[in-house]
Every structure is written in C-alpha cells, then in structure tokens.
C-alpha cells in the first residue's frame, strides 16, 4: 500500500490537489478513507483520487496551525 501512496503523490491527480477533500467512513471506532472525495473548484463535484482536471493545484506539505 505504501508504494501506491508514493506513486499517487508524485503525479498531478485529484488525490494530491489542494481542492480535493477525501471522504471517510466510521468503521468500528475509527475513520477509514474510502476511494472517493469531492473537489471544490470551480464548483462542488465528485472525484476519485486518481482523476485529473485542469484546475489541479499543489497542496502544501504542512497545514498551518491556527492559534486560538
């Protein structure tokens, strides 16, 4: 499974885009990712992690943490 994640992260696919939001399901007592999600640019639409589109944008490696 680790090899697949590496292959996916090196390509311009929806799963590596800043506009892609992964979907999850609650299984027993933890969340597990499922092979679908949604894109928010230019409008909300269903996407699979291996889909492509012209709106792909790089995702920053580290998310900023807000101090509240």
Protein backbone atom coordinates (compact mmCIF):
# COMPACT_ATOMS: atom_id res chain seq x y z
CA UNK A 1 0.00 0.00 0.00
CA UNK A 2 2.89 2.38 0.70
CA UNK A 3 4.09 2.09 -2.91
CA UNK A 4 0.69 3.18 -4.21
CA UNK A 5 0.64 6.29 -2.00
CA UNK A 6 4.11 7.24 -3.25
CA UNK A 7 3.07 6.77 -6.89
CA UNK A 8 -0.05 8.88 -6.33
CA UNK A 9 1.84 11.71 -4.56
CA UNK A 10 4.28 12.20 -7.44
CA UNK A 11 1.57 12.79 -10.06
CA UNK A 12 -0.88 15.62 -10.74
CA UNK A 13 -4.02 13.76 -9.72
CA UNK A 14 -7.09 14.89 -7.78
CA UNK A 15 -5.90 12.99 -4.69
CA UNK A 16 -2.85 15.29 -4.47
CA UNK A 17 -4.69 18.55 -5.27
CA UNK A 18 -5.34 21.35 -2.78
CA UNK A 19 -9.01 21.47 -3.87
CA UNK A 20 -9.67 17.75 -3.21
CA UNK A 21 -11.34 16.62 0.03
CA UNK A 22 -11.08 12.92 0.87
CA UNK A 23 -14.21 11.13 2.14
CA UNK A 24 -14.12 8.84 5.19
CA UNK A 25 -16.39 6.29 6.86
CA UNK A 26 -16.61 5.42 10.54
CA UNK A 27 -15.63 1.77 10.98
CA UNK A 28 -15.92 0.41 14.45
CA UNK A 29 -14.25 3.19 16.44
CA UNK A 30 -12.02 4.87 13.83
CA UNK A 31 -12.31 6.64 10.50
CA UNK A 32 -11.14 4.92 7.31
CA UNK A 33 -10.64 6.66 3.97
CA UNK A 34 -12.72 5.50 1.02
CA UNK A 35 -11.81 5.71 -2.68
CA UNK A 36 -13.77 8.91 -3.35
CA UNK A 37 -13.96 12.53 -2.38
CA UNK A 38 -15.02 15.87 -3.77
CA UNK A 39 -13.49 18.89 -5.46
CA UNK A 40 -14.43 22.49 -4.70
CA UNK A 41 -13.07 24.25 -7.81
CA UNK A 42 -14.73 25.70 -9.82
CA UNK A 43 -17.84 24.06 -8.34
CA UNK A 44 -18.55 21.16 -5.99
CA UNK A 45 -18.27 17.81 -7.81
CA UNK A 46 -17.50 14.18 -7.00
CA UNK A 47 -13.98 12.98 -7.78
CA UNK A 48 -11.87 9.86 -7.37
CA UNK A 49 -8.29 10.27 -6.11
CA UNK A 50 -6.87 9.12 -9.46
CA UNK A 51 -8.97 11.53 -11.58
CA UNK A 52 -7.36 14.53 -13.30
CA UNK A 53 -8.58 18.02 -14.20
CA UNK A 54 -7.14 21.33 -15.44
CA UNK A 55 -7.67 23.04 -12.05
CA UNK A 56 -5.01 20.96 -10.23
CA UNK A 57 -3.05 22.98 -7.67
CA UNK A 58 -0.21 21.80 -5.48
CA UNK A 59 -1.05 21.02 -1.87
CA UNK A 60 1.27 22.43 0.79
CA UNK A 61 3.01 19.66 2.70
CA UNK A 62 2.29 21.17 6.11
CA UNK A 63 -1.05 22.67 7.05
CA UNK A 64 -0.77 25.88 9.09
CA UNK A 65 -1.98 25.50 12.66
CA UNK A 66 -4.13 28.35 13.95
CA UNK A 67 -3.51 29.57 17.46
CA UNK A 68 -6.79 30.17 19.25
